[in-house]
Amino acid sequence: LRTTLHGPCFSACPLVFAGGTERTIWMGPGPHLGFHQVYTSAGAVPLSDEIYQEIALYLDAMGVDAQVVIRWMASAGPSEMYEPSLELLCEPKVATWVQRVCGF
């Protein structure tokens, strides 16, 4: 499966995007990824919860630097969004190719 973004991708979308063996981002009107803590109707899920371990295992399996992504998620509460620059998506392999930025 290959995943491609042409526009914004927030919340759970970056985790779906990470499911691609090739993860491509095309420049356009705001192809941004936004990360935040996992939450339920009761509020933010504590960072010690096993869901973050499961997310890390998934990201590792996809070749993504899970520590970086979990840190990004932890940096924004449920009603906030951390949006790394496109350049920051390359090294941890959140994206495997970003137009005019990186390509592996």
PDB file of N, CA and C in Angstrom:
ATOM      1  N   LEU A   1       0.837  -1.176   0.000  1.00  0.00           N
ATOM      2  CA  LEU A   1       0.000   0.000   0.000  1.00  0.00           C
ATOM      3  C   LEU A   1       0.881   1.239   0.000  1.00  0.00           C
ATOM      4  N   ARG A   2       0.567   2.181  -0.854  1.00  0.00           N
ATOM      5  CA  ARG A   2       1.229   3.487  -0.870  1.00  0.00           C
ATOM      6  C   ARG A   2       0.226   4.515  -0.384  1.00  0.00           C
ATOM      7  N   THR A   3       0.704   5.479   0.390  1.00  0.00           N
ATOM      8  CA  THR A   3      -0.170   6.558   0.826  1.00  0.00           C
ATOM      9  C   THR A   3       0.370   7.871   0.286  1.00  0.00           C
ATOM     10  N   THR A   4      -0.545   8.761  -0.100  1.00  0.00           N
ATOM     11  CA  THR A   4      -0.185  10.047  -0.692  1.00  0.00           C
ATOM     12  C   THR A   4      -1.071  11.132  -0.112  1.00  0.00           C
ATOM     13  N   LEU A   5      -0.452  12.264   0.221  1.00  0.00           N
ATOM     14  CA  LEU A   5      -1.198  13.417   0.713  1.00  0.00           C
ATOM     15  C   LEU A   5      -1.088  14.564  -0.277  1.00  0.00           C
ATOM     16  N   HIS A   6      -2.227  15.198  -0.504  1.00  0.00           N
ATOM     17  CA  HIS A   6      -2.275  16.415  -1.318  1.00  0.00           C
ATOM     18  C   HIS A   6      -2.797  17.566  -0.484  1.00  0.00           C
ATOM     19  N   GLY A   7      -3.205  17.294   0.747  1.00  0.00           N
ATOM     20  CA  GLY A   7      -3.778  18.323   1.605  1.00  0.00           C
ATOM     21  C   GLY A   7      -3.599  17.958   3.067  1.00  0.00           C
ATOM     22  N   PRO A   8      -4.265  18.684   3.940  1.00  0.00           N
ATOM     23  CA  PRO A   8      -4.089  18.497   5.382  1.00  0.00           C
ATOM     24  C   PRO A   8      -4.469  17.095   5.867  1.00  0.00           C
ATOM     25  N   CYS A   9      -3.785  16.676   6.930  1.00  0.00           N
ATOM     26  CA  CYS A   9      -3.995  15.353   7.531  1.00  0.00           C
ATOM     27  C   CYS A   9      -3.794  15.503   9.031  1.00  0.00           C
ATOM     28  N   PHE A  10      -4.873  15.486   9.789  1.00  0.00           N
ATOM     29  CA  PHE A  10      -4.803  15.752  11.221  1.00  0.00           C
ATOM     30  C   PHE A  10      -5.384  14.608  12.039  1.00  0.00           C
ATOM     31  N   SER A  11      -5.022  14.589  13.316  1.00  0.00           N
ATOM     32  CA  SER A  11      -5.563  13.666  14.315  1.00  0.00           C
ATOM     33  C   SER A  11      -5.115  12.235  14.029  1.00  0.00           C
ATOM     34  N   ALA A  12      -6.051  11.328  13.718  1.00  0.00           N
ATOM     35  CA  ALA A  12      -5.682   9.942  13.435  1.00  0.00           C
ATOM     36  C   ALA A  12      -5.134   9.774  12.015  1.00  0.00           C
ATOM     37  N   CYS A  13      -5.375  10.729  11.150  1.00  0.00           N
ATOM     38  CA  CYS A  13      -4.935  10.635   9.752  1.00  0.00           C
ATOM     39  C   CYS A  13      -3.435  10.371   9.609  1.00  0.00           C
ATOM     40  N   PRO A  14      -2.545  11.024  10.377  1.00  0.00           N
ATOM     41  CA  PRO A  14      -1.115  10.715  10.224  1.00  0.00           C
ATOM     42  C   PRO A  14      -0.780   9.254  10.531  1.00  0.00           C
ATOM     43  N   LEU A  15      -1.533   8.627  11.417  1.00  0.00           N
ATOM     44  CA  LEU A  15      -1.285   7.212  11.711  1.00  0.00           C
ATOM     45  C   LEU A  15      -1.715   6.342  10.534  1.00  0.00           C
ATOM     46  N   VAL A  16      -2.775   6.720   9.869  1.00  0.00           N
ATOM     47  CA  VAL A  16      -3.200   5.999   8.656  1.00  0.00           C
ATOM     48  C   VAL A  16      -2.162   6.226   7.553  1.00  0.00           C
ATOM     49  N   PHE A  17      -1.731   7.472   7.385  1.00  0.00           N
ATOM     50  CA  PHE A  17      -0.714   7.811   6.388  1.00  0.00           C
ATOM     51  C   PHE A  17       0.547   6.975   6.599  1.00  0.00           C
ATOM     52  N   ALA A  18       0.932   6.762   7.859  1.00  0.00           N
ATOM     53  CA  ALA A  18       2.130   5.978   8.180  1.00  0.00           C
ATOM     54  C   ALA A  18       2.001   4.521   7.761  1.00  0.00           C
ATOM     55  N   GLY A  19       0.804   4.067   7.454  1.00  0.00           N
ATOM     56  CA  GLY A  19       0.589   2.690   7.038  1.00  0.00           C
ATOM     57  C   GLY A  19       1.088   2.375   5.643  1.00  0.00           C
ATOM     58  N   GLY A  20       1.445   3.396   4.894  1.00  0.00           N
ATOM     59  CA  GLY A  20       1.959   3.162   3.544  1.00  0.00           C
ATOM     60  C   GLY A  20       3.418   2.745   3.570  1.00  0.00           C
ATOM     61  N   THR A  21       3.788   1.832   2.692  1.00  0.00           N
ATOM     62  CA  THR A  21       5.199   1.465   2.589  1.00  0.00           C
ATOM     63  C   THR A  21       5.974   2.586   1.899  1.00  0.00           C
ATOM     64  N   GLU A  22       5.289   3.351   1.063  1.00  0.00           N
ATOM     65  CA  GLU A  22       5.814   4.588   0.483  1.00  0.00           C
ATOM     66  C   GLU A  22       4.838   5.675   0.910  1.00  0.00           C
ATOM     67  N   ARG A  23       5.369   6.751   1.521  1.00  0.00           N
ATOM     68  CA  ARG A  23       4.531   7.816   2.064  1.00  0.00           C
ATOM     69  C   ARG A  23       4.923   9.125   1.391  1.00  0.00           C
ATOM     70  N   THR A  24       4.087   9.583   0.461  1.00  0.00           N
ATOM     71  CA  THR A  24       4.390  10.720  -0.394  1.00  0.00           C
ATOM     72  C   THR A  24       3.544  11.926  -0.007  1.00  0.00           C
ATOM     73  N   ILE A  25       4.206  13.094   0.044  1.00  0.00           N
ATOM     74  CA  ILE A  25       3.487  14.349   0.278  1.00  0.00           C
ATOM     75  C   ILE A  25       3.787  15.281  -0.885  1.00  0.00           C
ATOM     76  N   TRP A  26       2.737  15.715  -1.573  1.00  0.00           N
ATOM     77  CA  TRP A  26       2.842  16.684  -2.657  1.00  0.00           C
ATOM     78  C   TRP A  26       2.542  18.056  -2.099  1.00  0.00           C
ATOM     79  N   MET A  27       3.333  19.034  -2.514  1.00  0.00           N
ATOM     80  CA  MET A  27       3.052  20.407  -2.097  1.00  0.00           C
ATOM     81  C   MET A  27       1.692  20.801  -2.659  1.00  0.00           C
ATOM     82  N   GLY A  28       1.060  21.677  -2.014  1.00  0.00           N
ATOM     83  CA  GLY A  28      -0.247  22.144  -2.443  1.00  0.00           C
ATOM     84  C   GLY A  28      -0.753  23.123  -1.414  1.00  0.00           C
ATOM     85  N   PRO A  29      -2.033  23.277  -1.355  1.00  0.00           N
ATOM     86  CA  PRO A  29      -2.583  24.212  -0.357  1.00  0.00           C
ATOM     87  C   PRO A  29      -2.567  23.598   1.045  1.00  0.00           C
ATOM     88  N   GLY A  30      -1.407  23.582   1.625  1.00  0.00           N
ATOM     89  CA  GLY A  30      -1.296  23.158   3.017  1.00  0.00           C
ATOM     90  C   GLY A  30      -1.237  21.677   3.281  1.00  0.00           C
ATOM     91  N   PRO A  31      -0.316  20.927   2.676  1.00  0.00           N
ATOM     92  CA  PRO A  31      -0.215  19.512   3.021  1.00  0.00           C
ATOM     93  C   PRO A  31       0.494  19.345   4.362  1.00  0.00           C
ATOM     94  N   HIS A  32      -0.240  19.555   5.436  1.00  0.00           N
ATOM     95  CA  HIS A  32       0.331  19.493   6.779  1.00  0.00           C
ATOM     96  C   HIS A  32      -0.161  18.258   7.515  1.00  0.00           C
ATOM     97  N   LEU A  33       0.675  17.756   8.404  1.00  0.00           N
ATOM     98  CA  LEU A  33       0.265  16.680   9.304  1.00  0.00           C
ATOM     99  C   LEU A  33       0.165  17.265  10.706  1.00  0.00           C
ATOM    100  N   GLY A  34      -0.896  16.890  11.421  1.00  0.00           N
ATOM    101  CA  GLY A  34      -1.101  17.399  12.763  1.00  0.00           C
ATOM    102  C   GLY A  34      -1.258  16.255  13.752  1.00  0.00           C
ATOM    103  N   PHE A  35      -0.523  16.346  14.846  1.00  0.00           N
ATOM    104  CA  PHE A  35      -0.486  15.293  15.858  1.00  0.00           C
ATOM    105  C   PHE A  35      -0.990  15.830  17.192  1.00  0.00           C
ATOM    106  N   HIS A  36      -1.646  14.971  17.964  1.00  0.00           N
ATOM    107  CA  HIS A  36      -2.052  15.317  19.327  1.00  0.00           C
ATOM    108  C   HIS A  36      -2.212  14.045  20.138  1.00  0.00           C
ATOM    109  N   GLN A  37      -2.402  14.218  21.441  1.00  0.00           N
ATOM    110  CA  GLN A  37      -2.575  13.079  22.341  1.00  0.00           C
ATOM    111  C   GLN A  37      -3.839  12.309  21.988  1.00  0.00           C
ATOM    112  N   VAL A  38      -3.820  11.035  22.280  1.00  0.00           N
ATOM    113  CA  VAL A  38      -5.010  10.204  22.145  1.00  0.00           C
ATOM    114  C   VAL A  38      -5.998  10.649  23.224  1.00  0.00           C
ATOM    115  N   TYR A  39      -7.278  10.650  22.882  1.00  0.00           N
ATOM    116  CA  TYR A  39      -8.274  11.034  23.874  1.00  0.00           C
ATOM    117  C   TYR A  39      -9.555  10.243  23.693  1.00  0.00           C
ATOM    118  N   THR A  40     -10.326  10.207  24.747  1.00  0.00           N
ATOM    119  CA  THR A  40     -11.664   9.597  24.745  1.00  0.00           C
ATOM    120  C   THR A  40     -12.632  10.648  25.269  1.00  0.00           C
ATOM    121  N   SER A  41     -13.882  10.276  25.424  1.00  0.00           N
ATOM    122  CA  SER A  41     -14.863  11.220  25.964  1.00  0.00           C
ATOM    123  C   SER A  41     -14.513  11.642  27.392  1.00  0.00           C
ATOM    124  N   ALA A  42     -13.680  10.852  28.059  1.00  0.00           N
ATOM    125  CA  ALA A  42     -13.247  11.176  29.425  1.00  0.00           C
ATOM    126  C   ALA A  42     -12.047  12.136  29.430  1.00  0.00           C
ATOM    127  N   GLY A  43     -11.456  12.407  28.275  1.00  0.00           N
ATOM    128  CA  GLY A  43     -10.320  13.320  28.193  1.00  0.00           C
ATOM    129  C   GLY A  43      -9.078  12.648  27.644  1.00  0.00           C
ATOM    130  N   ALA A  44      -7.942  13.300  27.876  1.00  0.00           N
ATOM    131  CA  ALA A  44      -6.663  12.806  27.349  1.00  0.00           C
ATOM    132  C   ALA A  44      -6.312  11.461  27.971  1.00  0.00           C
ATOM    133  N   VAL A  45      -5.819  10.569  27.139  1.00  0.00           N
ATOM    134  CA  VAL A  45      -5.351   9.270  27.617  1.00  0.00           C
ATOM    135  C   VAL A  45      -3.927   9.481  28.126  1.00  0.00           C
ATOM    136  N   PRO A  46      -3.623   9.048  29.354  1.00  0.00           N
ATOM    137  CA  PRO A  46      -2.277   9.249  29.911  1.00  0.00           C
ATOM    138  C   PRO A  46      -1.196   8.634  29.018  1.00  0.00           C
ATOM    139  N   LEU A  47      -0.059   9.291  28.964  1.00  0.00           N
ATOM    140  CA  LEU A  47       1.038   8.819  28.126  1.00  0.00           C
ATOM    141  C   LEU A  47       1.565   7.463  28.574  1.00  0.00           C
ATOM    142  N   SER A  48       1.235   7.066  29.786  1.00  0.00           N
ATOM    143  CA  SER A  48       1.646   5.750  30.285  1.00  0.00           C
ATOM    144  C   SER A  48       0.716   4.630  29.812  1.00  0.00           C
ATOM    145  N   ASP A  49      -0.386   4.982  29.150  1.00  0.00           N
ATOM    146  CA  ASP A  49      -1.354   3.971  28.689  1.00  0.00           C
ATOM    147  C   ASP A  49      -0.735   3.096  27.596  1.00  0.00           C
ATOM    148  N   GLU A  50      -1.148   1.842  27.563  1.00  0.00           N
ATOM    149  CA  GLU A  50      -0.596   0.888  26.596  1.00  0.00           C
ATOM    150  C   GLU A  50      -0.904   1.251  25.151  1.00  0.00           C
ATOM    151  N   ILE A  51      -1.882   2.122  24.892  1.00  0.00           N
ATOM    152  CA  ILE A  51      -2.193   2.505  23.508  1.00  0.00           C
ATOM    153  C   ILE A  51      -0.980   3.147  22.843  1.00  0.00           C
ATOM    154  N   TYR A  52      -0.202   3.900  23.613  1.00  0.00           N
ATOM    155  CA  TYR A  52       0.994   4.525  23.037  1.00  0.00           C
ATOM    156  C   TYR A  52       2.060   3.480  22.707  1.00  0.00           C
ATOM    157  N   GLN A  53       2.121   2.411  23.487  1.00  0.00           N
ATOM    158  CA  GLN A  53       3.041   1.311  23.175  1.00  0.00           C
ATOM    159  C   GLN A  53       2.607   0.624  21.889  1.00  0.00           C
ATOM    160  N   GLU A  54       1.303   0.446  21.711  1.00  0.00           N
ATOM    161  CA  GLU A  54       0.780  -0.170  20.485  1.00  0.00           C
ATOM    162  C   GLU A  54       1.057   0.711  19.270  1.00  0.00           C
ATOM    163  N   ILE A  55       0.859   2.024  19.431  1.00  0.00           N
ATOM    164  CA  ILE A  55       1.149   2.956  18.337  1.00  0.00           C
ATOM    165  C   ILE A  55       2.635   2.897  17.994  1.00  0.00           C
ATOM    166  N   ALA A  56       3.494   2.848  19.008  1.00  0.00           N
ATOM    167  CA  ALA A  56       4.941   2.783  18.769  1.00  0.00           C
ATOM    168  C   ALA A  56       5.329   1.504  18.034  1.00  0.00           C
ATOM    169  N   LEU A  57       4.746   0.383  18.405  1.00  0.00           N
ATOM    170  CA  LEU A  57       5.034  -0.879  17.715  1.00  0.00           C
ATOM    171  C   LEU A  57       4.621  -0.801  16.249  1.00  0.00           C
ATOM    172  N   TYR A  58       3.453  -0.242  16.000  1.00  0.00           N
ATOM    173  CA  TYR A  58       2.951  -0.066  14.628  1.00  0.00           C
ATOM    174  C   TYR A  58       3.891   0.818  13.820  1.00  0.00           C
ATOM    175  N   LEU A  59       4.264   1.973  14.381  1.00  0.00           N
ATOM    176  CA  LEU A  59       5.148   2.888  13.664  1.00  0.00           C
ATOM    177  C   LEU A  59       6.501   2.247  13.396  1.00  0.00           C
ATOM    178  N   ASP A  60       7.052   1.559  14.386  1.00  0.00           N
ATOM    179  CA  ASP A  60       8.321   0.853  14.189  1.00  0.00           C
ATOM    180  C   ASP A  60       8.216  -0.156  13.050  1.00  0.00           C
ATOM    181  N   ALA A  61       7.110  -0.889  13.005  1.00  0.00           N
ATOM    182  CA  ALA A  61       6.904  -1.888  11.951  1.00  0.00           C
ATOM    183  C   ALA A  61       6.849  -1.242  10.571  1.00  0.00           C
ATOM    184  N   MET A  62       6.407   0.012  10.514  1.00  0.00           N
ATOM    185  CA  MET A  62       6.312   0.720   9.241  1.00  0.00           C
ATOM    186  C   MET A  62       7.602   1.478   8.907  1.00  0.00           C
ATOM    187  N   GLY A  63       8.617   1.370   9.771  1.00  0.00           N
ATOM    188  CA  GLY A  63       9.886   2.033   9.504  1.00  0.00           C
ATOM    189  C   GLY A  63       9.922   3.498   9.902  1.00  0.00           C
ATOM    190  N   VAL A  64       8.965   3.923  10.719  1.00  0.00           N
ATOM    191  CA  VAL A  64       8.880   5.304  11.182  1.00  0.00           C
ATOM    192  C   VAL A  64       9.515   5.387  12.570  1.00  0.00           C
ATOM    193  N   ASP A  65      10.212   6.468  12.849  1.00  0.00           N
ATOM    194  CA  ASP A  65      10.806   6.670  14.166  1.00  0.00           C
ATOM    195  C   ASP A  65       9.692   6.963  15.175  1.00  0.00           C
ATOM    196  N   ALA A  66       9.278   5.945  15.895  1.00  0.00           N
ATOM    197  CA  ALA A  66       8.138   6.045  16.808  1.00  0.00           C
ATOM    198  C   ALA A  66       8.394   7.037  17.936  1.00  0.00           C
ATOM    199  N   GLN A  67       9.621   7.118  18.425  1.00  0.00           N
ATOM    200  CA  GLN A  67       9.912   8.040  19.528  1.00  0.00           C
ATOM    201  C   GLN A  67       9.614   9.479  19.141  1.00  0.00           C
ATOM    202  N   VAL A  68       9.943   9.847  17.917  1.00  0.00           N
ATOM    203  CA  VAL A  68       9.688  11.203  17.442  1.00  0.00           C
ATOM    204  C   VAL A  68       8.185  11.448  17.372  1.00  0.00           C
ATOM    205  N   VAL A  69       7.451  10.534  16.766  1.00  0.00           N
ATOM    206  CA  VAL A  69       6.011  10.716  16.601  1.00  0.00           C
ATOM    207  C   VAL A  69       5.300  10.756  17.952  1.00  0.00           C
ATOM    208  N   ILE A  70       5.662   9.869  18.864  1.00  0.00           N
ATOM    209  CA  ILE A  70       5.036   9.870  20.196  1.00  0.00           C
ATOM    210  C   ILE A  70       5.346  11.187  20.905  1.00  0.00           C
ATOM    211  N   ARG A  71       6.546  11.701  20.749  1.00  0.00           N
ATOM    212  CA  ARG A  71       6.897  12.997  21.340  1.00  0.00           C
ATOM    213  C   ARG A  71       6.024  14.110  20.744  1.00  0.00           C
ATOM    214  N   TRP A  72       5.804  14.068  19.427  1.00  0.00           N
ATOM    215  CA  TRP A  72       4.935  15.064  18.802  1.00  0.00           C
ATOM    216  C   TRP A  72       3.515  14.947  19.330  1.00  0.00           C
ATOM    217  N   MET A  73       3.032  13.717  19.456  1.00  0.00           N
ATOM    218  CA  MET A  73       1.675  13.509  19.977  1.00  0.00           C
ATOM    219  C   MET A  73       1.563  14.047  21.401  1.00  0.00           C
ATOM    220  N   ALA A  74       2.566  13.761  22.207  1.00  0.00           N
ATOM    221  CA  ALA A  74       2.545  14.176  23.616  1.00  0.00           C
ATOM    222  C   ALA A  74       2.598  15.689  23.777  1.00  0.00           C
ATOM    223  N   SER A  75       3.122  16.384  22.772  1.00  0.00           N
ATOM    224  CA  SER A  75       3.311  17.829  22.893  1.00  0.00           C
ATOM    225  C   SER A  75       2.033  18.639  22.699  1.00  0.00           C
ATOM    226  N   ALA A  76       0.949  17.998  22.278  1.00  0.00           N
ATOM    227  CA  ALA A  76      -0.301  18.717  22.037  1.00  0.00           C
ATOM    228  C   ALA A  76      -1.460  17.999  22.725  1.00  0.00           C
ATOM    229  N   GLY A  77      -2.213  18.747  23.486  1.00  0.00           N
ATOM    230  CA  GLY A  77      -3.381  18.186  24.153  1.00  0.00           C
ATOM    231  C   GLY A  77      -4.455  17.810  23.143  1.00  0.00           C
ATOM    232  N   PRO A  78      -5.537  17.166  23.599  1.00  0.00           N
ATOM    233  CA  PRO A  78      -6.597  16.708  22.707  1.00  0.00           C
ATOM    234  C   PRO A  78      -7.238  17.811  21.859  1.00  0.00           C
ATOM    235  N   SER A  79      -7.281  19.030  22.373  1.00  0.00           N
ATOM    236  CA  SER A  79      -7.904  20.114  21.603  1.00  0.00           C
ATOM    237  C   SER A  79      -6.857  20.978  20.898  1.00  0.00           C
ATOM    238  N   GLU A  80      -5.606  20.517  20.891  1.00  0.00           N
ATOM    239  CA  GLU A  80      -4.517  21.233  20.233  1.00  0.00           C
ATOM    240  C   GLU A  80      -3.983  20.376  19.082  1.00  0.00           C
ATOM    241  N   MET A  81      -3.041  20.946  18.329  1.00  0.00           N
ATOM    242  CA  MET A  81      -2.453  20.213  17.217  1.00  0.00           C
ATOM    243  C   MET A  81      -0.995  20.642  17.074  1.00  0.00           C
ATOM    244  N   TYR A  82      -0.089  19.666  17.039  1.00  0.00           N
ATOM    245  CA  TYR A  82       1.308  19.959  16.745  1.00  0.00           C
ATOM    246  C   TYR A  82       1.516  19.669  15.270  1.00  0.00           C
ATOM    247  N   GLU A  83       1.960  20.676  14.521  1.00  0.00           N
ATOM    248  CA  GLU A  83       2.189  20.534  13.080  1.00  0.00           C
ATOM    249  C   GLU A  83       3.668  20.736  12.774  1.00  0.00           C
ATOM    250  N   PRO A  84       4.428  19.655  12.664  1.00  0.00           N
ATOM    251  CA  PRO A  84       5.843  19.805  12.311  1.00  0.00           C
ATOM    252  C   PRO A  84       5.981  20.332  10.885  1.00  0.00           C
ATOM    253  N   SER A  85       7.071  21.047  10.641  1.00  0.00           N
ATOM    254  CA  SER A  85       7.317  21.508   9.274  1.00  0.00           C
ATOM    255  C   SER A  85       7.529  20.296   8.372  1.00  0.00           C
ATOM    256  N   LEU A  86       7.336  20.476   7.098  1.00  0.00           N
ATOM    257  CA  LEU A  86       7.518  19.374   6.153  1.00  0.00           C
ATOM    258  C   LEU A  86       8.936  18.815   6.231  1.00  0.00           C
ATOM    259  N   GLU A  87       9.914  19.660   6.485  1.00  0.00           N
ATOM    260  CA  GLU A  87      11.298  19.208   6.585  1.00  0.00           C
ATOM    261  C   GLU A  87      11.491  18.235   7.750  1.00  0.00           C
ATOM    262  N   LEU A  88      10.742  18.424   8.821  1.00  0.00           N
ATOM    263  CA  LEU A  88      10.874  17.552   9.992  1.00  0.00           C
ATOM    264  C   LEU A  88      10.257  16.172   9.780  1.00  0.00           C
ATOM    265  N   LEU A  89       9.516  15.987   8.711  1.00  0.00           N
ATOM    266  CA  LEU A  89       8.876  14.700   8.438  1.00  0.00           C
ATOM    267  C   LEU A  89       9.817  13.721   7.742  1.00  0.00           C
ATOM    268  N   CYS A  90      10.939  14.220   7.235  1.00  0.00           N
ATOM    269  CA  CYS A  90      11.837  13.388   6.444  1.00  0.00           C
ATOM    270  C   CYS A  90      12.702  12.450   7.285  1.00  0.00           C
ATOM    271  N   GLU A  91      13.474  13.007   8.210  1.00  0.00           N
ATOM    272  CA  GLU A  91      14.439  12.191   8.953  1.00  0.00           C
ATOM    273  C   GLU A  91      13.788  11.041   9.726  1.00  0.00           C
ATOM    274  N   PRO A  92      12.657  11.265  10.422  1.00  0.00           N
ATOM    275  CA  PRO A  92      12.037  10.136  11.130  1.00  0.00           C
ATOM    276  C   PRO A  92      11.228   9.226  10.202  1.00  0.00           C
ATOM    277  N   LYS A  93      11.263   9.541   8.902  1.00  0.00           N
ATOM    278  CA  LYS A  93      10.588   8.750   7.863  1.00  0.00           C
ATOM    279  C   LYS A  93       9.069   8.689   8.030  1.00  0.00           C
ATOM    280  N   VAL A  94       8.510   9.756   8.610  1.00  0.00           N
ATOM    281  CA  VAL A  94       7.049   9.886   8.612  1.00  0.00           C
ATOM    282  C   VAL A  94       6.604   9.972   7.160  1.00  0.00           C
ATOM    283  N   ALA A  95       7.384  10.702   6.357  1.00  0.00           N
ATOM    284  CA  ALA A  95       7.183  10.740   4.904  1.00  0.00           C
ATOM    285  C   ALA A  95       8.439  10.171   4.260  1.00  0.00           C
ATOM    286  N   THR A  96       8.264   9.379   3.216  1.00  0.00           N
ATOM    287  CA  THR A  96       9.424   8.855   2.499  1.00  0.00           C
ATOM    288  C   THR A  96       9.785   9.741   1.318  1.00  0.00           C
ATOM    289  N   TRP A  97       8.864  10.637   0.936  1.00  0.00           N
ATOM    290  CA  TRP A  97       9.136  11.575  -0.151  1.00  0.00           C
ATOM    291  C   TRP A  97       8.243  12.792   0.033  1.00  0.00           C
ATOM    292  N   VAL A  98       8.861  13.967   0.039  1.00  0.00           N
ATOM    293  CA  VAL A  98       8.130  15.238   0.104  1.00  0.00           C
ATOM    294  C   VAL A  98       8.639  16.083  -1.044  1.00  0.00           C
ATOM    295  N   GLN A  99       7.736  16.517  -1.887  1.00  0.00           N
ATOM    296  CA  GLN A  99       8.109  17.297  -3.059  1.00  0.00           C
ATOM    297  C   GLN A  99       9.002  18.478  -2.667  1.00  0.00           C
ATOM    298  N   ARG A 100      10.147  18.598  -3.312  1.00  0.00           N
ATOM    299  CA  ARG A 100      11.134  19.640  -3.123  1.00  0.00           C
ATOM    300  C   ARG A 100      11.758  19.662  -1.727  1.00  0.00           C
ATOM    301  N   VAL A 101      11.544  18.616  -0.924  1.00  0.00           N
ATOM    302  CA  VAL A 101      12.104  18.600   0.426  1.00  0.00           C
ATOM    303  C   VAL A 101      12.982  17.379   0.643  1.00  0.00           C
ATOM    304  N   CYS A 102      12.446  16.181   0.460  1.00  0.00           N
ATOM    305  CA  CYS A 102      13.248  14.982   0.701  1.00  0.00           C
ATOM    306  C   CYS A 102      12.737  13.827  -0.143  1.00  0.00           C
ATOM    307  N   GLY A 103      13.593  12.871  -0.334  1.00  0.00           N
ATOM    308  CA  GLY A 103      13.238  11.647  -1.033  1.00  0.00           C
ATOM    309  C   GLY A 103      14.212  10.560  -0.631  1.00  0.00           C
ATOM    310  N   PHE A 104      13.703   9.389  -0.298  1.00  0.00           N
ATOM    311  CA  PHE A 104      14.562   8.285   0.127  1.00  0.00           C
ATOM    312  C   PHE A 104      14.523   7.183  -0.910  1.00  0.00           C
TER     313      PHE A 104
END
